[in-house]
Amino acid sequence: MPTLPLLSTVSSWWFIMEAPIQTQIILPAKYHKQHVISRLTSRYGLTVNITAASLRSGTYSDGWFNIGMNIYIIVNLLNQQK
């Protein structure tokens, strides 16, 4: 997992990690016309890559999306020590 170097501030040390995530979103048929991926990106500021999908128009079966995204985790190292 790639990491960024430690960043120092006046009172603490910060560690920033990039965490890649792969997940599948199951989309029930009644939500086919909803903008699910668009809402994820706009509400939460995510950038996603759709790696596979199955969503058939005009059917009553569930659809799905396989997506990949990177999230960033920021840890204050001094606050973690006791």
C-alpha atoms as a PDB file:
ATOM      1  CA  MET A   1       0.000   0.000   0.000  1.00  0.00           C
ATOM      2  CA  PRO A   2       1.604   3.317  -0.999  1.00  0.00           C
ATOM      3  CA  THR A   3       2.029   5.870   1.757  1.00  0.00           C
ATOM      4  CA  LEU A   4       2.918   9.522   1.923  1.00  0.00           C
ATOM      5  CA  PRO A   5       5.748  10.695   4.201  1.00  0.00           C
ATOM      6  CA  LEU A   6       5.169  11.900   7.732  1.00  0.00           C
ATOM      7  CA  LEU A   7       4.021  15.491   7.896  1.00  0.00           C
ATOM      8  CA  SER A   8       5.009  17.524  10.934  1.00  0.00           C
ATOM      9  CA  THR A   9       3.033  20.379  12.433  1.00  0.00           C
ATOM     10  CA  VAL A  10       3.785  22.530  15.463  1.00  0.00           C
ATOM     11  CA  SER A  11       2.300  20.110  17.999  1.00  0.00           C
ATOM     12  CA  SER A  12       1.991  16.681  16.384  1.00  0.00           C
ATOM     13  CA  TRP A  13       2.933  14.202  13.668  1.00  0.00           C
ATOM     14  CA  TRP A  14       0.501  13.072  10.998  1.00  0.00           C
ATOM     15  CA  PHE A  15       0.606   9.909   8.909  1.00  0.00           C
ATOM     16  CA  ILE A  16      -1.444   9.717   5.698  1.00  0.00           C
ATOM     17  CA  MET A  17      -2.168   6.341   4.098  1.00  0.00           C
ATOM     18  CA  GLU A  18      -3.872   5.535   0.834  1.00  0.00           C
ATOM     19  CA  ALA A  19      -6.150   2.508   1.137  1.00  0.00           C
ATOM     20  CA  PRO A  20      -7.443   0.907  -2.081  1.00  0.00           C
ATOM     21  CA  ILE A  21     -10.890  -0.681  -1.743  1.00  0.00           C
ATOM     22  CA  GLN A  22     -12.702  -3.053  -4.092  1.00  0.00           C
ATOM     23  CA  THR A  23     -16.406  -3.675  -3.471  1.00  0.00           C
ATOM     24  CA  GLN A  24     -19.597  -4.751  -5.178  1.00  0.00           C
ATOM     25  CA  ILE A  25     -22.838  -2.777  -5.015  1.00  0.00           C
ATOM     26  CA  ILE A  26     -25.998  -4.806  -5.519  1.00  0.00           C
ATOM     27  CA  LEU A  27     -28.758  -2.678  -7.004  1.00  0.00           C
ATOM     28  CA  PRO A  28     -32.326  -3.980  -6.486  1.00  0.00           C
ATOM     29  CA  ALA A  29     -34.552  -3.641  -9.553  1.00  0.00           C
ATOM     30  CA  LYS A  30     -36.704  -0.930  -7.944  1.00  0.00           C
ATOM     31  CA  TYR A  31     -33.611   1.370  -7.819  1.00  0.00           C
ATOM     32  CA  HIS A  32     -32.517   0.929 -11.460  1.00  0.00           C
ATOM     33  CA  LYS A  33     -33.484   4.507 -12.353  1.00  0.00           C
ATOM     34  CA  GLN A  34     -31.646   6.027  -9.366  1.00  0.00           C
ATOM     35  CA  HIS A  35     -28.233   7.626  -9.867  1.00  0.00           C
ATOM     36  CA  VAL A  36     -26.403   5.493  -7.300  1.00  0.00           C
ATOM     37  CA  ILE A  37     -22.795   5.917  -8.499  1.00  0.00           C
ATOM     38  CA  SER A  38     -23.295   9.621  -9.165  1.00  0.00           C
ATOM     39  CA  ARG A  39     -24.588  10.121  -5.622  1.00  0.00           C
ATOM     40  CA  LEU A  40     -21.584   8.307  -4.143  1.00  0.00           C
ATOM     41  CA  THR A  41     -19.201  10.578  -5.979  1.00  0.00           C
ATOM     42  CA  SER A  42     -21.004  13.854  -5.304  1.00  0.00           C
ATOM     43  CA  ARG A  43     -22.104  13.312  -1.691  1.00  0.00           C
ATOM     44  CA  TYR A  44     -18.874  11.800  -0.413  1.00  0.00           C
ATOM     45  CA  GLY A  45     -16.291  13.205  -2.821  1.00  0.00           C
ATOM     46  CA  LEU A  46     -15.269   9.736  -3.981  1.00  0.00           C
ATOM     47  CA  THR A  47     -13.591   8.891  -7.240  1.00  0.00           C
ATOM     48  CA  VAL A  48     -14.627   5.412  -8.323  1.00  0.00           C
ATOM     49  CA  ASN A  49     -13.649   3.106 -11.161  1.00  0.00           C
ATOM     50  CA  ILE A  50     -16.375   0.769 -12.382  1.00  0.00           C
ATOM     51  CA  THR A  51     -14.534  -2.482 -13.138  1.00  0.00           C
ATOM     52  CA  ALA A  52     -17.598  -4.582 -14.078  1.00  0.00           C
ATOM     53  CA  ALA A  53     -21.363  -4.143 -14.151  1.00  0.00           C
ATOM     54  CA  SER A  54     -24.624  -5.839 -14.994  1.00  0.00           C
ATOM     55  CA  LEU A  55     -27.740  -3.676 -15.203  1.00  0.00           C
ATOM     56  CA  ARG A  56     -30.377  -4.574 -17.756  1.00  0.00           C
ATOM     57  CA  SER A  57     -32.974  -2.038 -18.800  1.00  0.00           C
ATOM     58  CA  GLY A  58     -36.585  -3.130 -18.771  1.00  0.00           C
ATOM     59  CA  THR A  59     -36.113  -6.118 -16.448  1.00  0.00           C
ATOM     60  CA  TYR A  60     -37.098  -6.769 -12.857  1.00  0.00           C
ATOM     61  CA  SER A  61     -33.870  -8.467 -11.844  1.00  0.00           C
ATOM     62  CA  ASP A  62     -31.231  -6.985  -9.552  1.00  0.00           C
ATOM     63  CA  GLY A  63     -28.179  -5.340 -11.064  1.00  0.00           C
ATOM     64  CA  TRP A  64     -24.673  -4.929  -9.693  1.00  0.00           C
ATOM     65  CA  PHE A  65     -21.515  -2.827 -10.025  1.00  0.00           C
ATOM     66  CA  ASN A  66     -17.972  -3.823  -9.082  1.00  0.00           C
ATOM     67  CA  ILE A  67     -16.141  -0.644  -8.130  1.00  0.00           C
ATOM     68  CA  GLY A  68     -12.667   0.299  -6.979  1.00  0.00           C
ATOM     69  CA  MET A  69     -11.762   3.431  -5.068  1.00  0.00           C
ATOM     70  CA  ASN A  70      -8.991   4.881  -2.951  1.00  0.00           C
ATOM     71  CA  ILE A  71      -9.635   6.382   0.450  1.00  0.00           C
ATOM     72  CA  TYR A  72      -7.142   8.337   2.523  1.00  0.00           C
ATOM     73  CA  ILE A  73      -6.682   7.690   6.219  1.00  0.00           C
ATOM     74  CA  ILE A  74      -5.075  10.413   8.335  1.00  0.00           C
ATOM     75  CA  VAL A  75      -3.702   9.444  11.744  1.00  0.00           C
ATOM     76  CA  ASN A  76      -2.330  11.771  14.415  1.00  0.00           C
ATOM     77  CA  LEU A  77       0.490   9.648  15.837  1.00  0.00           C
ATOM     78  CA  LEU A  78       0.855  11.611  19.079  1.00  0.00           C
ATOM     79  CA  ASN A  79      -2.822  11.187  19.933  1.00  0.00           C
ATOM     80  CA  GLN A  80      -2.492   7.420  19.434  1.00  0.00           C
ATOM     81  CA  GLN A  81       0.227   7.074  22.101  1.00  0.00           C
ATOM     82  CA  LYS A  82      -0.841   6.625  25.729  1.00  0.00           C
END
